[in-house]
């Protein structure tokens, strides 16, 4: 398993930094790797849309008090 099978906490970043960092990390994914992003609840739709537009599959988890986890994989 790759180092990217872990959580990347983007909750301290605002737009557009969280989208840029999410895409940069997702682009390093190999087939079968999973990237989990922790983002602020108000940023979930922006990050998911950005990654989906760039050919990645995203699954959002249940929102926590302030953050939500997004599971990212390659669309292979």
N, C-alpha and C. Protein backbone atom coordinates (compact mmCIF):
# COMPACT_ATOMS: atom_id res chain seq x y z
N UNK A 1 0.83 -1.19 0.00
CA UNK A 1 0.00 0.00 0.00
C UNK A 1 0.87 1.25 0.00
N UNK A 2 0.36 2.24 -0.64
CA UNK A 2 1.08 3.49 -0.77
C UNK A 2 0.97 4.34 0.49
N UNK A 3 1.87 5.32 0.58
CA UNK A 3 1.80 6.29 1.66
C UNK A 3 0.51 7.09 1.62
N UNK A 4 -0.13 7.14 0.45
CA UNK A 4 -1.32 7.96 0.31
C UNK A 4 -2.57 7.28 0.83
N UNK A 5 -2.46 6.07 1.37
CA UNK A 5 -3.60 5.42 2.01
C UNK A 5 -3.72 5.95 3.43
N UNK A 6 -3.88 7.24 3.55
CA UNK A 6 -3.97 7.90 4.85
C UNK A 6 -4.83 9.14 4.72
N UNK A 7 -4.94 9.86 5.79
CA UNK A 7 -5.78 11.07 5.83
C UNK A 7 -4.92 12.31 5.58
N UNK A 8 -5.40 13.17 4.70
CA UNK A 8 -4.78 14.46 4.46
C UNK A 8 -5.74 15.51 5.01
N UNK A 9 -5.31 16.21 6.04
CA UNK A 9 -6.16 17.21 6.71
C UNK A 9 -6.03 18.56 5.99
N UNK A 10 -7.10 18.95 5.32
CA UNK A 10 -7.13 20.23 4.61
C UNK A 10 -8.04 21.24 5.29
N UNK A 11 -8.45 20.92 6.52
CA UNK A 11 -9.42 21.76 7.21
C UNK A 11 -8.89 23.14 7.59
N UNK A 12 -7.58 23.33 7.57
CA UNK A 12 -7.04 24.63 7.94
C UNK A 12 -6.83 25.54 6.72
N UNK A 13 -7.19 25.05 5.54
CA UNK A 13 -7.01 25.84 4.31
C UNK A 13 -8.34 26.33 3.78
N UNK A 14 -8.31 27.48 3.14
CA UNK A 14 -9.48 28.02 2.47
C UNK A 14 -9.36 27.86 0.97
N UNK A 15 -10.35 28.37 0.29
CA UNK A 15 -10.39 28.29 -1.17
C UNK A 15 -9.40 29.30 -1.76
N UNK A 16 -8.67 28.98 -2.76
CA UNK A 16 -8.65 27.75 -3.53
C UNK A 16 -7.57 26.76 -3.08
N UNK A 17 -6.90 27.04 -1.97
CA UNK A 17 -5.77 26.22 -1.55
C UNK A 17 -6.19 24.77 -1.29
N UNK A 18 -7.34 24.56 -0.61
CA UNK A 18 -7.75 23.20 -0.32
C UNK A 18 -8.02 22.41 -1.60
N UNK A 19 -8.57 23.06 -2.63
CA UNK A 19 -8.81 22.37 -3.91
C UNK A 19 -7.50 22.03 -4.60
N UNK A 20 -6.56 22.95 -4.58
CA UNK A 20 -5.27 22.73 -5.22
C UNK A 20 -4.50 21.61 -4.55
N UNK A 21 -4.47 21.61 -3.22
CA UNK A 21 -3.76 20.56 -2.48
C UNK A 21 -4.45 19.20 -2.64
N UNK A 22 -5.77 19.19 -2.67
CA UNK A 22 -6.51 17.95 -2.86
C UNK A 22 -6.19 17.35 -4.23
N UNK A 23 -6.20 18.16 -5.27
CA UNK A 23 -5.92 17.67 -6.61
C UNK A 23 -4.47 17.19 -6.72
N UNK A 24 -3.52 17.92 -6.15
CA UNK A 24 -2.12 17.52 -6.20
C UNK A 24 -1.92 16.16 -5.53
N UNK A 25 -2.57 15.94 -4.39
CA UNK A 25 -2.45 14.65 -3.71
C UNK A 25 -3.14 13.56 -4.50
N UNK A 26 -4.31 13.83 -5.05
CA UNK A 26 -5.05 12.83 -5.82
C UNK A 26 -4.29 12.41 -7.07
N UNK A 27 -3.59 13.33 -7.68
CA UNK A 27 -2.82 13.00 -8.89
C UNK A 27 -1.68 12.03 -8.61
N UNK A 28 -1.29 11.87 -7.36
CA UNK A 28 -0.23 10.94 -6.99
C UNK A 28 -0.76 9.53 -6.73
N UNK A 29 -2.09 9.37 -6.75
CA UNK A 29 -2.68 8.06 -6.47
C UNK A 29 -2.37 7.07 -7.59
N UNK A 30 -2.01 5.87 -7.19
CA UNK A 30 -1.90 4.77 -8.13
C UNK A 30 -3.21 4.01 -8.10
N UNK A 31 -3.43 3.17 -9.09
CA UNK A 31 -4.65 2.37 -9.11
C UNK A 31 -4.75 1.54 -7.84
N UNK A 32 -5.88 1.59 -7.18
CA UNK A 32 -6.09 0.85 -5.94
C UNK A 32 -5.78 1.63 -4.68
N UNK A 33 -5.09 2.76 -4.82
CA UNK A 33 -4.79 3.59 -3.65
C UNK A 33 -6.03 4.39 -3.25
N UNK A 34 -6.10 4.73 -1.98
CA UNK A 34 -7.21 5.51 -1.45
C UNK A 34 -6.64 6.72 -0.72
N UNK A 35 -7.20 7.87 -0.99
CA UNK A 35 -6.83 9.10 -0.30
C UNK A 35 -8.06 9.58 0.45
N UNK A 36 -7.89 9.87 1.73
CA UNK A 36 -8.99 10.40 2.52
C UNK A 36 -8.66 11.84 2.88
N UNK A 37 -9.57 12.73 2.51
CA UNK A 37 -9.39 14.15 2.76
C UNK A 37 -10.32 14.59 3.88
N UNK A 38 -9.79 15.35 4.81
CA UNK A 38 -10.60 15.96 5.87
C UNK A 38 -10.74 17.43 5.52
N UNK A 39 -11.97 17.84 5.22
CA UNK A 39 -12.21 19.23 4.81
C UNK A 39 -13.33 19.83 5.64
N UNK A 40 -13.36 21.15 5.70
CA UNK A 40 -14.44 21.86 6.39
C UNK A 40 -15.75 21.57 5.67
N UNK A 41 -16.83 21.48 6.43
CA UNK A 41 -18.13 21.16 5.86
C UNK A 41 -18.54 22.10 4.73
N UNK A 42 -18.19 23.37 4.83
CA UNK A 42 -18.59 24.31 3.79
C UNK A 42 -17.77 24.18 2.51
N UNK A 43 -16.72 23.37 2.52
CA UNK A 43 -15.86 23.19 1.35
C UNK A 43 -16.09 21.87 0.62
N UNK A 44 -16.90 20.99 1.17
CA UNK A 44 -17.07 19.64 0.61
C UNK A 44 -17.50 19.68 -0.85
N UNK A 45 -18.53 20.42 -1.16
CA UNK A 45 -19.04 20.42 -2.54
C UNK A 45 -18.02 20.97 -3.52
N UNK A 46 -17.27 22.00 -3.13
CA UNK A 46 -16.23 22.57 -4.01
C UNK A 46 -15.12 21.57 -4.28
N UNK A 47 -14.65 20.89 -3.24
CA UNK A 47 -13.54 19.94 -3.40
C UNK A 47 -14.01 18.74 -4.23
N UNK A 48 -15.19 18.21 -3.92
CA UNK A 48 -15.70 17.05 -4.66
C UNK A 48 -15.90 17.41 -6.13
N UNK A 49 -16.49 18.56 -6.41
CA UNK A 49 -16.70 18.97 -7.80
C UNK A 49 -15.37 19.13 -8.54
N UNK A 50 -14.39 19.73 -7.89
CA UNK A 50 -13.07 19.94 -8.51
C UNK A 50 -12.41 18.60 -8.83
N UNK A 51 -12.44 17.66 -7.89
CA UNK A 51 -11.83 16.35 -8.13
C UNK A 51 -12.60 15.55 -9.16
N UNK A 52 -13.91 15.60 -9.11
CA UNK A 52 -14.73 14.87 -10.08
C UNK A 52 -14.50 15.41 -11.49
N UNK A 53 -14.39 16.71 -11.63
CA UNK A 53 -14.11 17.32 -12.94
C UNK A 53 -12.75 16.91 -13.47
N UNK A 54 -11.86 16.49 -12.57
CA UNK A 54 -10.52 16.06 -12.97
C UNK A 54 -10.40 14.54 -12.96
N UNK A 55 -11.54 13.86 -13.14
CA UNK A 55 -11.57 12.41 -13.36
C UNK A 55 -11.26 11.54 -12.14
N UNK A 56 -11.60 12.02 -10.94
CA UNK A 56 -11.45 11.22 -9.73
C UNK A 56 -12.82 10.86 -9.18
N UNK A 57 -12.89 9.74 -8.48
CA UNK A 57 -14.14 9.30 -7.84
C UNK A 57 -14.10 9.73 -6.37
N UNK A 58 -15.17 10.36 -5.90
CA UNK A 58 -15.24 10.84 -4.52
C UNK A 58 -16.47 10.29 -3.83
N UNK A 59 -16.28 9.89 -2.58
CA UNK A 59 -17.39 9.47 -1.72
C UNK A 59 -17.28 10.28 -0.44
N UNK A 60 -18.35 10.96 -0.09
CA UNK A 60 -18.33 11.76 1.13
C UNK A 60 -18.90 10.95 2.29
N UNK A 61 -18.29 11.11 3.43
CA UNK A 61 -18.77 10.48 4.64
C UNK A 61 -19.78 11.38 5.33
N UNK A 62 -20.30 10.91 6.44
CA UNK A 62 -21.23 11.71 7.22
C UNK A 62 -20.49 12.89 7.83
N UNK A 63 -21.08 14.08 7.77
CA UNK A 63 -20.40 15.25 8.34
C UNK A 63 -20.27 15.14 9.85
N UNK A 64 -19.13 15.60 10.33
CA UNK A 64 -18.88 15.73 11.76
C UNK A 64 -19.33 17.14 12.15
N UNK A 65 -18.96 17.59 13.31
CA UNK A 65 -19.38 18.92 13.75
C UNK A 65 -18.89 20.01 12.79
N UNK A 66 -17.61 19.97 12.43
CA UNK A 66 -17.04 21.01 11.57
C UNK A 66 -16.45 20.48 10.27
N UNK A 67 -16.18 19.19 10.19
CA UNK A 67 -15.47 18.64 9.04
C UNK A 67 -16.19 17.41 8.47
N UNK A 68 -15.79 17.06 7.26
CA UNK A 68 -16.30 15.87 6.57
C UNK A 68 -15.12 15.16 5.93
N UNK A 69 -15.16 13.83 5.92
CA UNK A 69 -14.14 13.04 5.25
C UNK A 69 -14.60 12.74 3.83
N UNK A 70 -13.68 12.85 2.88
CA UNK A 70 -13.95 12.53 1.49
C UNK A 70 -12.97 11.43 1.08
N UNK A 71 -13.49 10.32 0.60
CA UNK A 71 -12.67 9.21 0.11
C UNK A 71 -12.48 9.41 -1.39
N UNK A 72 -11.20 9.44 -1.82
CA UNK A 72 -10.87 9.72 -3.22
C UNK A 72 -10.13 8.53 -3.81
N UNK A 73 -10.57 8.11 -5.00
CA UNK A 73 -9.89 7.06 -5.76
C UNK A 73 -9.82 7.48 -7.22
N UNK A 74 -8.96 6.79 -7.96
CA UNK A 74 -8.85 7.05 -9.39
C UNK A 74 -10.03 6.44 -10.12
N UNK A 75 -10.44 7.05 -11.21
CA UNK A 75 -11.47 6.49 -12.09
C UNK A 75 -10.79 5.62 -13.15
N UNK A 76 -10.28 4.47 -12.75
CA UNK A 76 -9.60 3.58 -13.71
C UNK A 76 -10.55 2.58 -14.29
